[in-house]
C-alpha atoms as a PDB file:
ATOM      1  CA  MET A   1      16.197 -22.193  21.098  1.00  0.00           C
ATOM      2  CA  ARG A   2      18.856 -24.595  22.412  1.00  0.00           C
ATOM      3  CA  ILE A   3      21.393 -22.910  20.150  1.00  0.00           C
ATOM      4  CA  SER A   4      20.382 -19.498  21.445  1.00  0.00           C
ATOM      5  CA  LEU A   5      20.661 -20.492  25.083  1.00  0.00           C
ATOM      6  CA  LEU A   6      24.027 -22.147  24.511  1.00  0.00           C
ATOM      7  CA  LEU A   7      25.291 -19.050  22.742  1.00  0.00           C
ATOM      8  CA  LEU A   8      24.159 -16.883  25.631  1.00  0.00           C
ATOM      9  CA  ALA A   9      25.849 -19.142  28.143  1.00  0.00           C
ATOM     10  CA  ILE A  10      29.117 -19.048  26.222  1.00  0.00           C
ATOM     11  CA  LEU A  11      29.051 -15.287  25.937  1.00  0.00           C
ATOM     12  CA  GLY A  12      27.919 -14.768  29.517  1.00  0.00           C
ATOM     13  CA  LEU A  13      25.140 -12.437  28.444  1.00  0.00           C
ATOM     14  CA  SER A  14      22.097 -14.153  29.894  1.00  0.00           C
ATOM     15  CA  GLY A  15      20.233 -11.769  32.174  1.00  0.00           C
ATOM     16  CA  CYS A  16      22.549  -8.860  31.384  1.00  0.00           C
ATOM     17  CA  THR A  17      21.539  -5.515  29.973  1.00  0.00           C
ATOM     18  CA  ALA A  18      23.777  -3.893  27.412  1.00  0.00           C
ATOM     19  CA  LYS A  19      24.970  -0.500  28.584  1.00  0.00           C
ATOM     20  CA  LYS A  20      25.472   0.877  25.114  1.00  0.00           C
ATOM     21  CA  SER A  21      25.338  -0.239  21.526  1.00  0.00           C
ATOM     22  CA  VAL A  22      26.930   1.266  18.463  1.00  0.00           C
ATOM     23  CA  ILE A  23      24.653   1.106  15.428  1.00  0.00           C
ATOM     24  CA  THR A  24      26.664  -0.092  12.459  1.00  0.00           C
ATOM     25  CA  ASN A  25      26.800   2.324   9.513  1.00  0.00           C
ATOM     26  CA  LYS A  26      24.153   4.535  11.133  1.00  0.00           C
ATOM     27  CA  SER A  27      23.191   7.542   9.066  1.00  0.00           C
ATOM     28  CA  SER A  28      20.576  10.271   8.989  1.00  0.00           C
ATOM     29  CA  ALA A  29      20.193   9.816   5.240  1.00  0.00           C
ATOM     30  CA  PHE A  30      16.841   8.859   3.756  1.00  0.00           C
ATOM     31  CA  VAL A  31      16.566   5.071   3.673  1.00  0.00           C
ATOM     32  CA  LYS A  32      16.674   3.567   0.192  1.00  0.00           C
ATOM     33  CA  GLY A  33      16.564  -0.120   0.831  1.00  0.00           C
ATOM     34  CA  ALA A  34      16.137  -3.643  -0.447  1.00  0.00           C
ATOM     35  CA  ASP A  35      15.012  -6.860   1.204  1.00  0.00           C
ATOM     36  CA  ILE A  36      17.295  -9.511  -0.313  1.00  0.00           C
ATOM     37  CA  GLY A  37      16.638 -12.663   1.700  1.00  0.00           C
ATOM     38  CA  TRP A  38      16.734 -14.807  -1.439  1.00  0.00           C
ATOM     39  CA  LEU A  39      20.240 -13.735  -2.406  1.00  0.00           C
ATOM     40  CA  PRO A  40      22.243 -16.539  -0.698  1.00  0.00           C
ATOM     41  CA  GLN A  41      20.073 -19.187  -2.355  1.00  0.00           C
ATOM     42  CA  MET A  42      20.294 -17.466  -5.731  1.00  0.00           C
ATOM     43  CA  GLU A  43      24.063 -17.384  -5.504  1.00  0.00           C
ATOM     44  CA  ALA A  44      24.221 -21.004  -4.288  1.00  0.00           C
ATOM     45  CA  THR A  45      22.161 -22.176  -7.247  1.00  0.00           C
ATOM     46  CA  GLY A  46      24.434 -20.383  -9.702  1.00  0.00           C
ATOM     47  CA  TYR A  47      22.339 -17.354 -10.602  1.00  0.00           C
ATOM     48  CA  LYS A  48      24.517 -14.626 -12.132  1.00  0.00           C
ATOM     49  CA  PHE A  49      23.947 -10.905 -11.602  1.00  0.00           C
ATOM     50  CA  TYR A  50      24.912  -8.342 -14.216  1.00  0.00           C
ATOM     51  CA  ASN A  51      25.207  -4.575 -13.952  1.00  0.00           C
ATOM     52  CA  ASP A  52      23.627  -2.102 -16.365  1.00  0.00           C
ATOM     53  CA  GLY A  53      26.581  -2.517 -18.705  1.00  0.00           C
ATOM     54  CA  GLY A  54      26.212  -6.294 -18.834  1.00  0.00           C
ATOM     55  CA  LYS A  55      29.237  -7.095 -16.642  1.00  0.00           C
ATOM     56  CA  GLU A  56      28.869  -9.790 -13.982  1.00  0.00           C
ATOM     57  CA  GLU A  57      29.103  -8.245 -10.502  1.00  0.00           C
ATOM     58  CA  ASP A  58      28.298  -8.859  -6.868  1.00  0.00           C
ATOM     59  CA  CYS A  59      24.620  -8.117  -6.317  1.00  0.00           C
ATOM     60  CA  PHE A  60      25.529  -5.884  -3.369  1.00  0.00           C
ATOM     61  CA  LYS A  61      27.607  -3.655  -5.640  1.00  0.00           C
ATOM     62  CA  ILE A  62      24.864  -3.431  -8.248  1.00  0.00           C
ATOM     63  CA  LEU A  63      22.363  -2.441  -5.570  1.00  0.00           C
ATOM     64  CA  LYS A  64      24.722   0.101  -4.036  1.00  0.00           C
ATOM     65  CA  ASP A  65      25.422   1.624  -7.453  1.00  0.00           C
ATOM     66  CA  HIS A  66      21.661   2.104  -7.796  1.00  0.00           C
ATOM     67  CA  GLY A  67      21.428   4.103  -4.581  1.00  0.00           C
ATOM     68  CA  ILE A  68      20.546   1.322  -2.139  1.00  0.00           C
ATOM     69  CA  ASN A  69      21.955   2.148   1.302  1.00  0.00           C
ATOM     70  CA  THR A  70      20.000  -0.287   3.498  1.00  0.00           C
ATOM     71  CA  ILE A  71      19.528  -4.060   3.495  1.00  0.00           C
ATOM     72  CA  ARG A  72      16.565  -5.823   5.096  1.00  0.00           C
ATOM     73  CA  LEU A  73      16.885  -9.511   6.020  1.00  0.00           C
ATOM     74  CA  ARG A  74      14.191 -11.903   7.201  1.00  0.00           C
ATOM     75  CA  ALA A  75      14.954 -14.446   9.910  1.00  0.00           C
ATOM     76  CA  TRP A  76      13.121 -17.733  10.521  1.00  0.00           C
ATOM     77  CA  VAL A  77      13.340 -19.856  13.652  1.00  0.00           C
ATOM     78  CA  ASN A  78      14.073 -23.371  12.318  1.00  0.00           C
ATOM     79  CA  PRO A  79      13.804 -23.101   8.524  1.00  0.00           C
ATOM     80  CA  SER A  80      14.047 -25.866   5.935  1.00  0.00           C
ATOM     81  CA  ASP A  81      16.579 -25.889   3.103  1.00  0.00           C
ATOM     82  CA  ASP A  82      13.895 -25.357   0.443  1.00  0.00           C
ATOM     83  CA  LYS A  83      15.156 -23.018  -2.290  1.00  0.00           C
ATOM     84  CA  ILE A  84      12.191 -20.633  -2.162  1.00  0.00           C
ATOM     85  CA  ASN A  85      10.542 -21.288   1.202  1.00  0.00           C
ATOM     86  CA  GLY A  86      13.549 -22.095   3.382  1.00  0.00           C
ATOM     87  CA  HIS A  87      16.919 -20.760   4.487  1.00  0.00           C
ATOM     88  CA  CYS A  88      17.045 -17.429   6.428  1.00  0.00           C
ATOM     89  CA  SER A  89      18.367 -19.127   9.564  1.00  0.00           C
ATOM     90  CA  THR A  90      20.069 -17.073  12.246  1.00  0.00           C
ATOM     91  CA  GLU A  91      23.480 -18.086  10.906  1.00  0.00           C
ATOM     92  CA  GLU A  92      22.621 -17.170   7.313  1.00  0.00           C
ATOM     93  CA  THR A  93      21.045 -13.885   8.387  1.00  0.00           C
ATOM     94  CA  VAL A  94      24.147 -12.944  10.361  1.00  0.00           C
ATOM     95  CA  ALA A  95      26.392 -13.759   7.393  1.00  0.00           C
ATOM     96  CA  MET A  96      24.268 -11.566   5.126  1.00  0.00           C
ATOM     97  CA  ALA A  97      24.200  -8.738   7.667  1.00  0.00           C
ATOM     98  CA  LEU A  98      27.974  -8.868   7.852  1.00  0.00           C
ATOM     99  CA  ARG A  99      28.197  -8.584   4.061  1.00  0.00           C
ATOM    100  CA  ALA A 100      25.890  -5.566   4.161  1.00  0.00           C
ATOM    101  CA  LYS A 101      28.077  -3.960   6.810  1.00  0.00           C
ATOM    102  CA  LYS A 102      31.190  -4.498   4.710  1.00  0.00           C
ATOM    103  CA  TRP A 103      29.477  -2.756   1.785  1.00  0.00           C
ATOM    104  CA  GLY A 104      28.762   0.212   4.060  1.00  0.00           C
ATOM    105  CA  MET A 105      25.036  -0.448   4.210  1.00  0.00           C
ATOM    106  CA  ARG A 106      22.618  -0.096   7.079  1.00  0.00           C
ATOM    107  CA  VAL A 107      20.824  -3.197   8.356  1.00  0.00           C
ATOM    108  CA  MET A 108      17.222  -4.055   9.199  1.00  0.00           C
ATOM    109  CA  ILE A 109      16.243  -7.475  10.567  1.00  0.00           C
ATOM    110  CA  ASP A 110      12.725  -8.844  10.067  1.00  0.00           C
ATOM    111  CA  LEU A 111      11.898 -11.481  12.701  1.00  0.00           C
ATOM    112  CA  HIS A 112       8.974 -13.599  11.455  1.00  0.00           C
ATOM    113  CA  TYR A 113       8.658 -15.813  14.579  1.00  0.00           C
ATOM    114  CA  SER A 114       7.900 -18.748  12.307  1.00  0.00           C
ATOM    115  CA  ASP A 115       9.823 -21.465  10.493  1.00  0.00           C
ATOM    116  CA  SER A 116       8.799 -20.018   7.122  1.00  0.00           C
ATOM    117  CA  TRP A 117       6.759 -17.160   5.665  1.00  0.00           C
ATOM    118  CA  ALA A 118       4.641 -15.105   8.046  1.00  0.00           C
ATOM    119  CA  ASP A 119       2.200 -12.635   6.498  1.00  0.00           C
ATOM    120  CA  PRO A 120      -1.501 -11.661   6.740  1.00  0.00           C
ATOM    121  CA  SER A 121      -2.584 -15.062   5.404  1.00  0.00           C
ATOM    122  CA  LYS A 122      -0.457 -17.140   7.787  1.00  0.00           C
ATOM    123  CA  GLN A 123       1.374 -16.709  11.064  1.00  0.00           C
ATOM    124  CA  LYS A 124       2.270 -20.297  11.920  1.00  0.00           C
ATOM    125  CA  LYS A 125       3.926 -20.922  15.232  1.00  0.00           C
ATOM    126  CA  PRO A 126       7.422 -22.485  15.034  1.00  0.00           C
ATOM    127  CA  GLN A 127       7.133 -26.246  15.284  1.00  0.00           C
ATOM    128  CA  ALA A 128       9.414 -26.380  18.320  1.00  0.00           C
ATOM    129  CA  TRP A 129       7.047 -24.060  20.200  1.00  0.00           C
ATOM    130  CA  GLU A 130       3.755 -25.721  19.314  1.00  0.00           C
ATOM    131  CA  GLU A 131       3.154 -27.570  22.599  1.00  0.00           C
ATOM    132  CA  HIS A 132       4.319 -24.749  24.877  1.00  0.00           C
ATOM    133  CA  ASP A 133       2.004 -22.965  27.286  1.00  0.00           C
ATOM    134  CA  PHE A 134       1.827 -19.168  27.188  1.00  0.00           C
ATOM    135  CA  PRO A 135       4.480 -18.414  29.847  1.00  0.00           C
ATOM    136  CA  THR A 136       6.887 -20.723  28.004  1.00  0.00           C
ATOM    137  CA  LEU A 137       5.936 -19.133  24.683  1.00  0.00           C
ATOM    138  CA  MET A 138       6.875 -15.715  26.039  1.00  0.00           C
ATOM    139  CA  THR A 139      10.227 -17.149  27.066  1.00  0.00           C
ATOM    140  CA  ASP A 140      10.605 -18.638  23.588  1.00  0.00           C
ATOM    141  CA  VAL A 141      10.098 -15.235  21.981  1.00  0.00           C
ATOM    142  CA  TYR A 142      12.522 -13.542  24.344  1.00  0.00           C
ATOM    143  CA  ASP A 143      15.239 -16.199  24.094  1.00  0.00           C
ATOM    144  CA  TYR A 144      15.014 -16.508  20.304  1.00  0.00           C
ATOM    145  CA  THR A 145      15.129 -12.741  19.823  1.00  0.00           C
ATOM    146  CA  LEU A 146      17.997 -12.394  22.269  1.00  0.00           C
ATOM    147  CA  GLY A 147      19.852 -15.183  20.475  1.00  0.00           C
ATOM    148  CA  VAL A 148      19.547 -13.518  17.067  1.00  0.00           C
ATOM    149  CA  MET A 149      20.584 -10.139  18.442  1.00  0.00           C
ATOM    150  CA  THR A 150      23.516 -11.647  20.334  1.00  0.00           C
ATOM    151  CA  ALA A 151      24.710 -13.522  17.250  1.00  0.00           C
ATOM    152  CA  LEU A 152      24.624 -10.269  15.285  1.00  0.00           C
ATOM    153  CA  LYS A 153      26.489  -8.444  18.041  1.00  0.00           C
ATOM    154  CA  THR A 154      29.137 -11.168  18.156  1.00  0.00           C
ATOM    155  CA  ALA A 155      29.683 -10.655  14.413  1.00  0.00           C
ATOM    156  CA  GLY A 156      30.046  -6.924  14.981  1.00  0.00           C
ATOM    157  CA  VAL A 157      26.668  -5.922  13.556  1.00  0.00           C
ATOM    158  CA  TYR A 158      24.127  -3.850  15.462  1.00  0.00           C
ATOM    159  CA  PRO A 159      21.054  -3.537  13.237  1.00  0.00           C
ATOM    160  CA  GLU A 160      19.567  -0.065  13.076  1.00  0.00           C
ATOM    161  CA  TRP A 161      16.054  -1.515  13.019  1.00  0.00           C
ATOM    162  CA  VAL A 162      14.464  -4.837  13.986  1.00  0.00           C
ATOM    163  CA  GLN A 163      10.908  -5.880  13.236  1.00  0.00           C
ATOM    164  CA  VAL A 164       8.958  -7.799  15.848  1.00  0.00           C
ATOM    165  CA  GLY A 165       6.810  -9.808  13.456  1.00  0.00           C
ATOM    166  CA  ASN A 166       6.133  -9.501   9.744  1.00  0.00           C
ATOM    167  CA  GLU A 167       2.891  -8.024   8.353  1.00  0.00           C
ATOM    168  CA  THR A 168       1.086  -8.679  11.627  1.00  0.00           C
ATOM    169  CA  ALA A 169      -2.328  -7.320  10.590  1.00  0.00           C
ATOM    170  CA  GLU A 170      -3.996 -10.146  12.522  1.00  0.00           C
ATOM    171  CA  GLY A 171      -1.127 -10.732  14.914  1.00  0.00           C
ATOM    172  CA  MET A 172       1.608 -13.371  15.034  1.00  0.00           C
ATOM    173  CA  ILE A 173       2.311 -16.769  16.590  1.00  0.00           C
ATOM    174  CA  TYR A 174      -1.276 -18.011  16.425  1.00  0.00           C
ATOM    175  CA  PRO A 175      -3.434 -18.519  18.347  1.00  0.00           C
ATOM    176  CA  GLU A 176      -2.010 -16.781  21.418  1.00  0.00           C
ATOM    177  CA  GLY A 177      -0.728 -13.836  19.401  1.00  0.00           C
ATOM    178  CA  HIS A 178      -3.818 -13.327  17.249  1.00  0.00           C
ATOM    179  CA  THR A 179      -5.439  -9.883  17.331  1.00  0.00           C
ATOM    180  CA  LYS A 180      -8.501 -11.602  18.819  1.00  0.00           C
ATOM    181  CA  ASN A 181      -6.266 -11.847  21.904  1.00  0.00           C
ATOM    182  CA  TRP A 182      -4.676  -8.402  21.959  1.00  0.00           C
ATOM    183  CA  GLY A 183      -3.652  -8.676  25.589  1.00  0.00           C
ATOM    184  CA  THR A 184      -1.436 -11.695  24.955  1.00  0.00           C
ATOM    185  CA  LEU A 185      -0.285 -10.379  21.558  1.00  0.00           C
ATOM    186  CA  ALA A 186       1.018  -7.234  23.245  1.00  0.00           C
ATOM    187  CA  GLN A 187       2.886  -9.342  25.809  1.00  0.00           C
ATOM    188  CA  LEU A 188       4.590 -11.317  23.040  1.00  0.00           C
ATOM    189  CA  ILE A 189       5.507  -8.112  21.195  1.00  0.00           C
ATOM    190  CA  ASN A 190       6.984  -6.682  24.367  1.00  0.00           C
ATOM    191  CA  LYS A 191       9.092  -9.773  24.965  1.00  0.00           C
ATOM    192  CA  GLY A 192      10.630  -9.244  21.537  1.00  0.00           C
ATOM    193  CA  TYR A 193      11.078  -5.539  22.196  1.00  0.00           C
ATOM    194  CA  ASP A 194      12.761  -6.145  25.547  1.00  0.00           C
ATOM    195  CA  ALA A 195      15.190  -8.698  24.103  1.00  0.00           C
ATOM    196  CA  ILE A 196      16.205  -6.346  21.297  1.00  0.00           C
ATOM    197  CA  LYS A 197      16.812  -3.462  23.672  1.00  0.00           C
ATOM    198  CA  THR A 198      18.761  -5.697  26.071  1.00  0.00           C
ATOM    199  CA  VAL A 199      21.423  -6.269  23.431  1.00  0.00           C
ATOM    200  CA  SER A 200      21.151  -2.990  21.533  1.00  0.00           C
ATOM    201  CA  PRO A 201      19.255  -0.157  23.240  1.00  0.00           C
ATOM    202  CA  GLU A 202      19.740   2.143  20.241  1.00  0.00           C
ATOM    203  CA  THR A 203      18.112  -0.264  17.782  1.00  0.00           C
ATOM    204  CA  LYS A 204      14.632   0.913  16.787  1.00  0.00           C
ATOM    205  CA  VAL A 205      11.828  -1.637  16.973  1.00  0.00           C
ATOM    206  CA  ILE A 206       9.342  -1.746  14.097  1.00  0.00           C
ATOM    207  CA  LEU A 207       5.789  -3.066  14.110  1.00  0.00           C
ATOM    208  CA  HIS A 208       4.644  -3.841  10.569  1.00  0.00           C
ATOM    209  CA  VAL A 209       1.199  -3.925   8.935  1.00  0.00           C
ATOM    210  CA  ASP A 210       0.292  -4.400   5.275  1.00  0.00           C
ATOM    211  CA  GLN A 211      -2.012  -2.337   3.001  1.00  0.00           C
ATOM    212  CA  GLY A 212      -0.273   0.946   3.683  1.00  0.00           C
ATOM    213  CA  ASN A 213      -2.980   2.863   1.837  1.00  0.00           C
ATOM    214  CA  ASN A 214      -5.681   1.622   4.264  1.00  0.00           C
ATOM    215  CA  ASN A 215      -5.907   4.173   7.061  1.00  0.00           C
ATOM    216  CA  GLN A 216      -8.686   2.425   8.977  1.00  0.00           C
ATOM    217  CA  ARG A 217      -6.634  -0.768   9.087  1.00  0.00           C
ATOM    218  CA  PHE A 218      -3.732   1.117  10.697  1.00  0.00           C
ATOM    219  CA  ARG A 219      -5.869   3.115  13.110  1.00  0.00           C
ATOM    220  CA  THR A 220      -7.587  -0.009  14.351  1.00  0.00           C
ATOM    221  CA  TRP A 221      -4.336  -1.928  14.771  1.00  0.00           C
ATOM    222  CA  PHE A 222      -2.249   0.769  16.408  1.00  0.00           C
ATOM    223  CA  ASP A 223      -5.098   2.030  18.592  1.00  0.00           C
ATOM    224  CA  ASN A 224      -5.236  -1.496  19.996  1.00  0.00           C
ATOM    225  CA  ALA A 225      -1.453  -1.602  20.311  1.00  0.00           C
ATOM    226  CA  THR A 226      -1.613   1.625  22.313  1.00  0.00           C
ATOM    227  CA  THR A 227      -4.491   0.440  24.499  1.00  0.00           C
ATOM    228  CA  HIS A 228      -2.688  -2.788  25.368  1.00  0.00           C
ATOM    229  CA  GLY A 229       0.733  -1.230  25.928  1.00  0.00           C
ATOM    230  CA  ALA A 230       2.653  -2.707  23.005  1.00  0.00           C
ATOM    231  CA  LYS A 231       6.134  -1.159  22.816  1.00  0.00           C
ATOM    232  CA  TYR A 232       7.709   0.000  19.561  1.00  0.00           C
ATOM    233  CA  ASP A 233       9.561   2.894  17.936  1.00  0.00           C
ATOM    234  CA  VAL A 234       8.626   2.867  14.239  1.00  0.00           C
ATOM    235  CA  ILE A 235       5.509   2.001  12.239  1.00  0.00           C
ATOM    236  CA  GLY A 236       6.344  -0.116   9.190  1.00  0.00           C
ATOM    237  CA  LEU A 237       4.036  -0.321   6.187  1.00  0.00           C
ATOM    238  CA  SER A 238       3.759  -2.519   3.102  1.00  0.00           C
ATOM    239  CA  TYR A 239       2.470  -1.005  -0.139  1.00  0.00           C
ATOM    240  CA  TYR A 240       1.701  -3.270  -3.087  1.00  0.00           C
ATOM    241  CA  PRO A 241      -0.860  -1.819  -5.518  1.00  0.00           C
ATOM    242  CA  TYR A 242      -0.585  -5.102  -7.440  1.00  0.00           C
ATOM    243  CA  TRP A 243      -2.192  -7.032  -4.564  1.00  0.00           C
ATOM    244  CA  LEU A 244      -5.161  -4.695  -4.147  1.00  0.00           C
ATOM    245  CA  ASP A 245      -8.511  -5.824  -5.551  1.00  0.00           C
ATOM    246  CA  GLY A 246      -8.369  -5.768  -9.335  1.00  0.00           C
ATOM    247  CA  LYS A 247      -4.638  -4.936  -9.396  1.00  0.00           C
ATOM    248  CA  PRO A 248      -5.278  -1.202  -9.916  1.00  0.00           C
ATOM    249  CA  ASP A 249      -2.633   1.283 -10.984  1.00  0.00           C
ATOM    250  CA  TYR A 250      -0.768   2.901  -8.098  1.00  0.00           C
ATOM    251  CA  LYS A 251      -2.160   6.318  -9.034  1.00  0.00           C
ATOM    252  CA  LEU A 252      -5.525   5.261  -7.567  1.00  0.00           C
ATOM    253  CA  SER A 253      -4.086   4.624  -4.075  1.00  0.00           C
ATOM    254  CA  ILE A 254      -0.927   6.722  -3.781  1.00  0.00           C
ATOM    255  CA  ASN A 255      -2.699   9.679  -2.167  1.00  0.00           C
ATOM    256  CA  ASP A 256      -4.329   7.331   0.334  1.00  0.00           C
ATOM    257  CA  LEU A 257      -0.847   6.071   1.189  1.00  0.00           C
ATOM    258  CA  GLY A 258       0.401   9.624   1.720  1.00  0.00           C
ATOM    259  CA  ASN A 259      -2.582  10.562   3.861  1.00  0.00           C
ATOM    260  CA  ASN A 260      -2.150   7.435   5.979  1.00  0.00           C
ATOM    261  CA  LEU A 261       1.551   8.099   6.512  1.00  0.00           C
ATOM    262  CA  ASN A 262       0.825  11.624   7.691  1.00  0.00           C
ATOM    263  CA  ASP A 263      -2.051  10.554   9.916  1.00  0.00           C
ATOM    264  CA  ILE A 264      -0.345   7.720  11.764  1.00  0.00           C
ATOM    265  CA  ALA A 265       2.909   9.639  12.238  1.00  0.00           C
ATOM    266  CA  LYS A 266       0.919  12.379  13.979  1.00  0.00           C
ATOM    267  CA  ARG A 267      -1.667  10.201  15.744  1.00  0.00           C
ATOM    268  CA  TYR A 268       0.915   7.931  17.392  1.00  0.00           C
ATOM    269  CA  ASN A 269       3.874  10.357  17.390  1.00  0.00           C
ATOM    270  CA  LYS A 270       6.059   7.758  15.658  1.00  0.00           C
ATOM    271  CA  GLU A 271       8.434   7.604  12.734  1.00  0.00           C
ATOM    272  CA  VAL A 272       7.100   5.744   9.707  1.00  0.00           C
ATOM    273  CA  MET A 273       8.747   3.711   6.959  1.00  0.00           C
ATOM    274  CA  ILE A 274       7.674   1.748   3.897  1.00  0.00           C
ATOM    275  CA  VAL A 275       9.447  -1.510   4.710  1.00  0.00           C
ATOM    276  CA  GLU A 276       8.029  -3.368   1.699  1.00  0.00           C
ATOM    277  CA  VAL A 277       7.046  -2.108  -1.734  1.00  0.00           C
ATOM    278  CA  GLY A 278       6.919  -3.686  -5.161  1.00  0.00           C
ATOM    279  CA  ASN A 279       5.226  -3.707  -8.532  1.00  0.00           C
ATOM    280  CA  GLU A 280       5.284  -5.711 -11.762  1.00  0.00           C
ATOM    281  CA  ASP A 281       8.714  -6.457 -13.187  1.00  0.00           C
ATOM    282  CA  THR A 282       7.361  -6.375 -16.745  1.00  0.00           C
ATOM    283  CA  LYS A 283       6.045  -2.829 -16.285  1.00  0.00           C
ATOM    284  CA  SER A 284       9.308  -1.247 -15.205  1.00  0.00           C
ATOM    285  CA  ASP A 285       8.402   2.275 -16.334  1.00  0.00           C
ATOM    286  CA  ASN A 286       5.254   2.194 -14.202  1.00  0.00           C
ATOM    287  CA  THR A 287       7.117   0.681 -11.262  1.00  0.00           C
ATOM    288  CA  TYR A 288       9.794   3.370 -11.600  1.00  0.00           C
ATOM    289  CA  ASP A 289       7.111   6.083 -11.478  1.00  0.00           C
ATOM    290  CA  MET A 290       5.435   4.387  -8.522  1.00  0.00           C
ATOM    291  CA  LEU A 291       8.684   4.279  -6.559  1.00  0.00           C
ATOM    292  CA  LEU A 292       9.342   7.966  -7.183  1.00  0.00           C
ATOM    293  CA  ALA A 293       5.823   8.754  -5.963  1.00  0.00           C
ATOM    294  CA  VAL A 294       6.176   6.558  -2.857  1.00  0.00           C
ATOM    295  CA  ILE A 295       9.532   8.086  -1.976  1.00  0.00           C
ATOM    296  CA  GLN A 296       8.048  11.564  -2.321  1.00  0.00           C
ATOM    297  CA  LYS A 297       5.078  10.726  -0.074  1.00  0.00           C
ATOM    298  CA  VAL A 298       7.413   9.441   2.635  1.00  0.00           C
ATOM    299  CA  LYS A 299       9.636  12.507   2.372  1.00  0.00           C
ATOM    300  CA  GLU A 300       6.579  14.744   2.781  1.00  0.00           C
ATOM    301  CA  VAL A 301       5.697  13.324   6.220  1.00  0.00           C
ATOM    302  CA  PRO A 302       6.018  16.282   8.633  1.00  0.00           C
ATOM    303  CA  GLU A 303       8.843  16.656  11.154  1.00  0.00           C
ATOM    304  CA  ASN A 304      11.121  14.323   9.168  1.00  0.00           C
ATOM    305  CA  LYS A 305       9.245  11.315  10.517  1.00  0.00           C
ATOM    306  CA  GLY A 306       9.259   9.580   7.143  1.00  0.00           C
ATOM    307  CA  LEU A 307      12.410   7.450   7.275  1.00  0.00           C
ATOM    308  CA  GLY A 308      12.528   5.738   3.896  1.00  0.00           C
ATOM    309  CA  VAL A 309      11.404   3.096   1.405  1.00  0.00           C
ATOM    310  CA  LEU A 310      12.560  -0.510   0.900  1.00  0.00           C
ATOM    311  CA  TYR A 311      11.849  -2.678  -2.147  1.00  0.00           C
ATOM    312  CA  TRP A 312      11.019  -6.320  -1.420  1.00  0.00           C
ATOM    313  CA  GLU A 313      13.308  -8.738  -3.266  1.00  0.00           C
ATOM    314  CA  PRO A 314      14.288  -6.484  -6.182  1.00  0.00           C
ATOM    315  CA  GLU A 315      16.991  -8.999  -7.153  1.00  0.00           C
ATOM    316  CA  GLY A 316      14.548 -11.941  -7.018  1.00  0.00           C
ATOM    317  CA  ALA A 317      14.299 -12.370 -10.771  1.00  0.00           C
ATOM    318  CA  ARG A 318      11.160 -14.123 -11.999  1.00  0.00           C
ATOM    319  CA  SER A 319      13.232 -16.685 -13.940  1.00  0.00           C
ATOM    320  CA  TRP A 320      14.596 -17.939 -10.609  1.00  0.00           C
ATOM    321  CA  SER A 321      11.826 -17.157  -8.097  1.00  0.00           C
ATOM    322  CA  HIS A 322       8.669 -17.105 -10.240  1.00  0.00           C
ATOM    323  CA  TYR A 323       7.868 -13.907  -8.358  1.00  0.00           C
ATOM    324  CA  ASP A 324       6.194 -11.211 -10.466  1.00  0.00           C
ATOM    325  CA  LEU A 325       7.254  -8.106  -8.575  1.00  0.00           C
ATOM    326  CA  SER A 326      11.045  -8.033  -8.625  1.00  0.00           C
ATOM    327  CA  ALA A 327      13.058  -5.256 -10.241  1.00  0.00           C
ATOM    328  CA  TRP A 328      15.271  -7.613 -12.247  1.00  0.00           C
ATOM    329  CA  GLY A 329      14.976  -8.638 -15.878  1.00  0.00           C
ATOM    330  CA  GLU A 330      15.361 -11.890 -17.776  1.00  0.00           C
ATOM    331  CA  ASN A 331      18.810 -10.677 -18.877  1.00  0.00           C
ATOM    332  CA  GLY A 332      20.087 -10.819 -15.292  1.00  0.00           C
ATOM    333  CA  LYS A 333      20.242  -7.026 -15.063  1.00  0.00           C
ATOM    334  CA  PRO A 334      18.210  -4.606 -12.929  1.00  0.00           C
ATOM    335  CA  THR A 335      15.249  -2.997 -14.664  1.00  0.00           C
ATOM    336  CA  LYS A 336      14.653   0.727 -14.967  1.00  0.00           C
ATOM    337  CA  ALA A 337      12.525   0.534 -11.808  1.00  0.00           C
ATOM    338  CA  LEU A 338      15.596   0.334  -9.590  1.00  0.00           C
ATOM    339  CA  ASP A 339      16.868   3.630 -11.027  1.00  0.00           C
ATOM    340  CA  ALA A 340      14.265   5.419  -8.891  1.00  0.00           C
ATOM    341  CA  PHE A 341      16.542   5.014  -5.883  1.00  0.00           C
ATOM    342  CA  MET A 342      19.266   6.977  -7.664  1.00  0.00           C
ATOM    343  CA  LYS A 343      17.228  10.179  -7.668  1.00  0.00           C
END
């Protein structure tokens, strides 16, 4: 937070409201995206990326040649330098966002409000915030968010979307931001929302819940968000058939995903987006078919409220990450799965 406040002081932006922002590389095209937060570490450790023809190339080019037009980047408050569980600092996120801009890609930022992974199983408060009372914690959220947004603006990048929290099914920044305390959770969300809009009023704020096929989960969460006045523009969903009980084939839940997308877009009058999707790297034909089906379900959301689909860490090859759901093979080349974004 000290870095953020210093940056604001230097730029003279503290307490100011941006009159207008220009969203970098904004487009009305359907979002075909990739979360590639591991890429800087992969490159730093010497991992080589190869295109379909076996030629070594920049990962950004390979992704773009496969139809990817949007890059999603996670941001952690004070991360470690661990290869798998660290990095994603503000500085690294800004550098990656700038690369995405130079490749003509749209940008989404995923603020975890933690020093490492935040997801349904863990939403650990940043260590520097642990002893803060609630009023100070709200200031922490605002100042950190404002600092990230200001750093991006200084680099010439206005993200088209920013997530306030990652897979916040039970909230974020525990315990104050747990869904057991919806009143305070909504206040924390709104501090993030306000900071984003201060720097970039045109940026759309996403709230993100996992299990995109589970309609009751979304109704419960967003009914509470509505009741408690949480502010947002887009509903983000994760969809991982692999993580459902028994690891069933996507065909058993894809219609539930489509029905949920349609229901929540109408019920809350919001745009919707699959901000995370993935399936087994060793079953690339099945993952390819799943992606085509997911893309179609999002496109079928009425009134063009289905914005797009983003694959989580497609480049995160198992040989480097030990992650089972990338879209990259042992040969350093993308699998057939990634071809779905070319359709």
